[in-house]
Amino acid sequence: MYDGYYAIETNDLELSPKEIISNYGMLWQIEESFRIMKSTMEVRPVFHWTEGRIKGHFMV
């Protein structure tokens, strides 16, 4: 069906194809970090949008 090919789309036109592929390969680490924050640390729900408020939420 897909012949082993897939596409990755980005809006960052400054990245090279190798950087895009490398960043995509690290996606699982980011997803795992969010999964840990949401479950193990029990900090749900988080309704903050600014960096300072998010950091403050986790510091409490």
PDB file of N, CA and C in Angstrom:
ATOM      1  N   MET A   1       0.811  -1.191   0.000  1.00  0.00           N
ATOM      2  CA  MET A   1       0.000   0.000   0.000  1.00  0.00           C
ATOM      3  C   MET A   1       0.861   1.263   0.000  1.00  0.00           C
ATOM      4  N   TYR A   2       1.802   1.359   0.947  1.00  0.00           N
ATOM      5  CA  TYR A   2       2.622   2.562   1.047  1.00  0.00           C
ATOM      6  C   TYR A   2       4.031   2.359   0.505  1.00  0.00           C
ATOM      7  N   ASP A   3       4.411   1.159   0.159  1.00  0.00           N
ATOM      8  CA  ASP A   3       5.720   0.840  -0.398  1.00  0.00           C
ATOM      9  C   ASP A   3       6.872   1.305   0.481  1.00  0.00           C
ATOM     10  N   GLY A   4       6.651   1.422   1.788  1.00  0.00           N
ATOM     11  CA  GLY A   4       7.721   1.797   2.704  1.00  0.00           C
ATOM     12  C   GLY A   4       8.058   3.273   2.735  1.00  0.00           C
ATOM     13  N   TYR A   5       7.258   4.110   2.123  1.00  0.00           N
ATOM     14  CA  TYR A   5       7.515   5.546   2.100  1.00  0.00           C
ATOM     15  C   TYR A   5       6.529   6.274   3.004  1.00  0.00           C
ATOM     16  N   TYR A   6       6.983   7.357   3.584  1.00  0.00           N
ATOM     17  CA  TYR A   6       6.082   8.227   4.319  1.00  0.00           C
ATOM     18  C   TYR A   6       6.570   9.664   4.171  1.00  0.00           C
ATOM     19  N   ALA A   7       5.711  10.610   4.496  1.00  0.00           N
ATOM     20  CA  ALA A   7       6.036  12.031   4.331  1.00  0.00           C
ATOM     21  C   ALA A   7       6.026  12.722   5.684  1.00  0.00           C
ATOM     22  N   ILE A   8       6.918  13.668   5.832  1.00  0.00           N
ATOM     23  CA  ILE A   8       6.962  14.505   7.027  1.00  0.00           C
ATOM     24  C   ILE A   8       6.778  15.944   6.552  1.00  0.00           C
ATOM     25  N   GLU A   9       5.834  16.641   7.157  1.00  0.00           N
ATOM     26  CA  GLU A   9       5.550  18.021   6.760  1.00  0.00           C
ATOM     27  C   GLU A   9       5.991  18.966   7.873  1.00  0.00           C
ATOM     28  N   THR A  10       6.582  20.066   7.508  1.00  0.00           N
ATOM     29  CA  THR A  10       6.996  21.067   8.489  1.00  0.00           C
ATOM     30  C   THR A  10       6.729  22.464   7.949  1.00  0.00           C
ATOM     31  N   ASN A  11       6.608  23.407   8.872  1.00  0.00           N
ATOM     32  CA  ASN A  11       6.454  24.799   8.460  1.00  0.00           C
ATOM     33  C   ASN A  11       7.751  25.580   8.680  1.00  0.00           C
ATOM     34  N   ASP A  12       8.796  24.910   9.163  1.00  0.00           N
ATOM     35  CA  ASP A  12      10.102  25.543   9.381  1.00  0.00           C
ATOM     36  C   ASP A  12      10.962  25.363   8.139  1.00  0.00           C
ATOM     37  N   LEU A  13      11.001  26.369   7.308  1.00  0.00           N
ATOM     38  CA  LEU A  13      11.712  26.279   6.039  1.00  0.00           C
ATOM     39  C   LEU A  13      13.225  26.414   6.187  1.00  0.00           C
ATOM     40  N   GLU A  14      13.687  26.708   7.402  1.00  0.00           N
ATOM     41  CA  GLU A  14      15.120  26.855   7.651  1.00  0.00           C
ATOM     42  C   GLU A  14      15.808  25.505   7.877  1.00  0.00           C
ATOM     43  N   LEU A  15      15.049  24.473   8.193  1.00  0.00           N
ATOM     44  CA  LEU A  15      15.627  23.160   8.494  1.00  0.00           C
ATOM     45  C   LEU A  15      16.004  22.413   7.222  1.00  0.00           C
ATOM     46  N   SER A  16      17.096  21.678   7.321  1.00  0.00           N
ATOM     47  CA  SER A  16      17.493  20.815   6.206  1.00  0.00           C
ATOM     48  C   SER A  16      16.704  19.513   6.304  1.00  0.00           C
ATOM     49  N   PRO A  17      16.629  18.741   5.240  1.00  0.00           N
ATOM     50  CA  PRO A  17      15.935  17.448   5.314  1.00  0.00           C
ATOM     51  C   PRO A  17      16.498  16.542   6.409  1.00  0.00           C
ATOM     52  N   LYS A  18      17.814  16.551   6.612  1.00  0.00           N
ATOM     53  CA  LYS A  18      18.411  15.721   7.671  1.00  0.00           C
ATOM     54  C   LYS A  18      17.968  16.182   9.054  1.00  0.00           C
ATOM     55  N   GLU A  19      17.872  17.498   9.259  1.00  0.00           N
ATOM     56  CA  GLU A  19      17.424  18.024  10.549  1.00  0.00           C
ATOM     57  C   GLU A  19      15.963  17.666  10.803  1.00  0.00           C
ATOM     58  N   ILE A  20      15.152  17.732   9.782  1.00  0.00           N
ATOM     59  CA  ILE A  20      13.735  17.388   9.924  1.00  0.00           C
ATOM     60  C   ILE A  20      13.589  15.930  10.328  1.00  0.00           C
ATOM     61  N   ILE A  21      14.305  15.057   9.669  1.00  0.00           N
ATOM     62  CA  ILE A  21      14.237  13.628   9.985  1.00  0.00           C
ATOM     63  C   ILE A  21      14.764  13.368  11.389  1.00  0.00           C
ATOM     64  N   SER A  22      15.856  14.026  11.760  1.00  0.00           N
ATOM     65  CA  SER A  22      16.427  13.863  13.095  1.00  0.00           C
ATOM     66  C   SER A  22      15.445  14.325  14.171  1.00  0.00           C
ATOM     67  N   ASN A  23      14.837  15.487  13.959  1.00  0.00           N
ATOM     68  CA  ASN A  23      13.861  16.000  14.920  1.00  0.00           C
ATOM     69  C   ASN A  23      12.666  15.066  15.042  1.00  0.00           C
ATOM     70  N   TYR A  24      12.203  14.542  13.940  1.00  0.00           N
ATOM     71  CA  TYR A  24      11.077  13.606  13.974  1.00  0.00           C
ATOM     72  C   TYR A  24      11.460  12.349  14.754  1.00  0.00           C
ATOM     73  N   GLY A  25      12.698  11.921  14.606  1.00  0.00           N
ATOM     74  CA  GLY A  25      13.168  10.741  15.331  1.00  0.00           C
ATOM     75  C   GLY A  25      13.185  10.940  16.836  1.00  0.00           C
ATOM     76  N   MET A  26      13.286  12.195  17.285  1.00  0.00           N
ATOM     77  CA  MET A  26      13.292  12.494  18.721  1.00  0.00           C
ATOM     78  C   MET A  26      11.890  12.734  19.271  1.00  0.00           C
ATOM     79  N   LEU A  27      10.893  12.674  18.435  1.00  0.00           N
ATOM     80  CA  LEU A  27       9.522  12.953  18.850  1.00  0.00           C
ATOM     81  C   LEU A  27       9.065  12.049  19.987  1.00  0.00           C
ATOM     82  N   TRP A  28       9.459  10.786  19.966  1.00  0.00           N
ATOM     83  CA  TRP A  28       9.023   9.851  21.010  1.00  0.00           C
ATOM     84  C   TRP A  28       9.513  10.300  22.380  1.00  0.00           C
ATOM     85  N   GLN A  29      10.683  10.935  22.464  1.00  0.00           N
ATOM     86  CA  GLN A  29      11.203  11.405  23.748  1.00  0.00           C
ATOM     87  C   GLN A  29      10.338  12.539  24.296  1.00  0.00           C
ATOM     88  N   ILE A  30       9.917  13.416  23.427  1.00  0.00           N
ATOM     89  CA  ILE A  30       9.055  14.517  23.843  1.00  0.00           C
ATOM     90  C   ILE A  30       7.708  13.976  24.305  1.00  0.00           C
ATOM     91  N   GLU A  31       7.135  13.057  23.538  1.00  0.00           N
ATOM     92  CA  GLU A  31       5.845  12.473  23.900  1.00  0.00           C
ATOM     93  C   GLU A  31       5.944  11.724  25.220  1.00  0.00           C
ATOM     94  N   GLU A  32       7.033  11.007  25.444  1.00  0.00           N
ATOM     95  CA  GLU A  32       7.227  10.272  26.696  1.00  0.00           C
ATOM     96  C   GLU A  32       7.338  11.238  27.870  1.00  0.00           C
ATOM     97  N   SER A  33       8.020  12.351  27.681  1.00  0.00           N
ATOM     98  CA  SER A  33       8.144  13.351  28.748  1.00  0.00           C
ATOM     99  C   SER A  33       6.775  13.906  29.136  1.00  0.00           C
ATOM    100  N   PHE A  34       5.948  14.226  28.152  1.00  0.00           N
ATOM    101  CA  PHE A  34       4.606  14.710  28.451  1.00  0.00           C
ATOM    102  C   PHE A  34       3.769  13.633  29.138  1.00  0.00           C
ATOM    103  N   ARG A  35       3.908  12.384  28.719  1.00  0.00           N
ATOM    104  CA  ARG A  35       3.171  11.290  29.332  1.00  0.00           C
ATOM    105  C   ARG A  35       3.547  11.158  30.808  1.00  0.00           C
ATOM    106  N   ILE A  36       4.833  11.275  31.117  1.00  0.00           N
ATOM    107  CA  ILE A  36       5.296  11.195  32.504  1.00  0.00           C
ATOM    108  C   ILE A  36       4.751  12.368  33.310  1.00  0.00           C
ATOM    109  N   MET A  37       4.818  13.571  32.744  1.00  0.00           N
ATOM    110  CA  MET A  37       4.318  14.741  33.466  1.00  0.00           C
ATOM    111  C   MET A  37       2.835  14.616  33.774  1.00  0.00           C
ATOM    112  N   LYS A  38       2.082  14.070  32.843  1.00  0.00           N
ATOM    113  CA  LYS A  38       0.639  13.995  33.023  1.00  0.00           C
ATOM    114  C   LYS A  38       0.215  12.854  33.939  1.00  0.00           C
ATOM    115  N   SER A  39       0.973  11.773  33.997  1.00  0.00           N
ATOM    116  CA  SER A  39       0.542  10.631  34.791  1.00  0.00           C
ATOM    117  C   SER A  39       1.325  10.504  36.089  1.00  0.00           C
ATOM    118  N   THR A  40       2.619  10.291  36.016  1.00  0.00           N
ATOM    119  CA  THR A  40       3.434  10.043  37.201  1.00  0.00           C
ATOM    120  C   THR A  40       3.427  11.230  38.148  1.00  0.00           C
ATOM    121  N   MET A  41       3.571  12.420  37.609  1.00  0.00           N
ATOM    122  CA  MET A  41       3.621  13.613  38.449  1.00  0.00           C
ATOM    123  C   MET A  41       2.231  14.081  38.869  1.00  0.00           C
ATOM    124  N   GLU A  42       1.208  13.559  38.256  1.00  0.00           N
ATOM    125  CA  GLU A  42      -0.185  13.882  38.564  1.00  0.00           C
ATOM    126  C   GLU A  42      -0.430  15.389  38.612  1.00  0.00           C
ATOM    127  N   VAL A  43      -0.123  16.067  37.526  1.00  0.00           N
ATOM    128  CA  VAL A  43      -0.295  17.517  37.473  1.00  0.00           C
ATOM    129  C   VAL A  43      -1.421  17.939  36.536  1.00  0.00           C
ATOM    130  N   ARG A  44      -2.302  17.047  36.190  1.00  0.00           N
ATOM    131  CA  ARG A  44      -3.408  17.397  35.306  1.00  0.00           C
ATOM    132  C   ARG A  44      -4.461  18.144  36.065  1.00  0.00           C
ATOM    133  N   PRO A  45      -5.268  18.914  35.475  1.00  0.00           N
ATOM    134  CA  PRO A  45      -5.113  19.520  34.166  1.00  0.00           C
ATOM    135  C   PRO A  45      -4.243  20.768  34.260  1.00  0.00           C
ATOM    136  N   VAL A  46      -3.621  21.135  33.187  1.00  0.00           N
ATOM    137  CA  VAL A  46      -2.805  22.346  33.111  1.00  0.00           C
ATOM    138  C   VAL A  46      -3.455  23.260  32.077  1.00  0.00           C
ATOM    139  N   PHE A  47      -3.928  24.395  32.545  1.00  0.00           N
ATOM    140  CA  PHE A  47      -4.612  25.335  31.656  1.00  0.00           C
ATOM    141  C   PHE A  47      -3.784  26.586  31.397  1.00  0.00           C
ATOM    142  N   HIS A  48      -2.496  26.538  31.721  1.00  0.00           N
ATOM    143  CA  HIS A  48      -1.631  27.701  31.539  1.00  0.00           C
ATOM    144  C   HIS A  48      -1.057  27.719  30.133  1.00  0.00           C
ATOM    145  N   TRP A  49      -0.785  28.925  29.638  1.00  0.00           N
ATOM    146  CA  TRP A  49      -0.265  29.071  28.279  1.00  0.00           C
ATOM    147  C   TRP A  49       1.125  29.693  28.248  1.00  0.00           C
ATOM    148  N   THR A  50       1.444  30.528  29.232  1.00  0.00           N
ATOM    149  CA  THR A  50       2.742  31.200  29.197  1.00  0.00           C
ATOM    150  C   THR A  50       3.795  30.340  29.881  1.00  0.00           C
ATOM    151  N   GLU A  51       5.040  30.490  29.444  1.00  0.00           N
ATOM    152  CA  GLU A  51       6.132  29.678  29.980  1.00  0.00           C
ATOM    153  C   GLU A  51       6.283  29.865  31.490  1.00  0.00           C
ATOM    154  N   GLY A  52       6.202  31.104  31.951  1.00  0.00           N
ATOM    155  CA  GLY A  52       6.360  31.377  33.378  1.00  0.00           C
ATOM    156  C   GLY A  52       5.298  30.705  34.227  1.00  0.00           C
ATOM    157  N   ARG A  53       4.065  30.725  33.782  1.00  0.00           N
ATOM    158  CA  ARG A  53       2.980  30.103  34.551  1.00  0.00           C
ATOM    159  C   ARG A  53       3.075  28.582  34.544  1.00  0.00           C
ATOM    160  N   ILE A  54       3.497  28.019  33.428  1.00  0.00           N
ATOM    161  CA  ILE A  54       3.668  26.566  33.362  1.00  0.00           C
ATOM    162  C   ILE A  54       4.760  26.137  34.326  1.00  0.00           C
ATOM    163  N   LYS A  55       5.891  26.842  34.316  1.00  0.00           N
ATOM    164  CA  LYS A  55       6.983  26.519  35.247  1.00  0.00           C
ATOM    165  C   LYS A  55       6.516  26.673  36.687  1.00  0.00           C
ATOM    166  N   GLY A  56       5.783  27.741  36.965  1.00  0.00           N
ATOM    167  CA  GLY A  56       5.262  27.952  38.310  1.00  0.00           C
ATOM    168  C   GLY A  56       4.330  26.837  38.747  1.00  0.00           C
ATOM    169  N   HIS A  57       3.510  26.354  37.866  1.00  0.00           N
ATOM    170  CA  HIS A  57       2.579  25.267  38.170  1.00  0.00           C
ATOM    171  C   HIS A  57       3.334  24.020  38.615  1.00  0.00           C
ATOM    172  N   PHE A  58       4.422  23.706  37.924  1.00  0.00           N
ATOM    173  CA  PHE A  58       5.176  22.504  38.250  1.00  0.00           C
ATOM    174  C   PHE A  58       6.071  22.696  39.467  1.00  0.00           C
ATOM    175  N   MET A  59       6.422  23.931  39.785  1.00  0.00           N
ATOM    176  CA  MET A  59       7.247  24.190  40.966  1.00  0.00           C
ATOM    177  C   MET A  59       6.442  24.016  42.243  1.00  0.00           C
ATOM    178  N   VAL A  60       5.145  24.259  42.181  1.00  0.00           N
ATOM    179  CA  VAL A  60       4.282  24.123  43.351  1.00  0.00           C
ATOM    180  C   VAL A  60       4.145  22.663  43.656  1.00  0.00           C
TER     181      VAL A  60
END
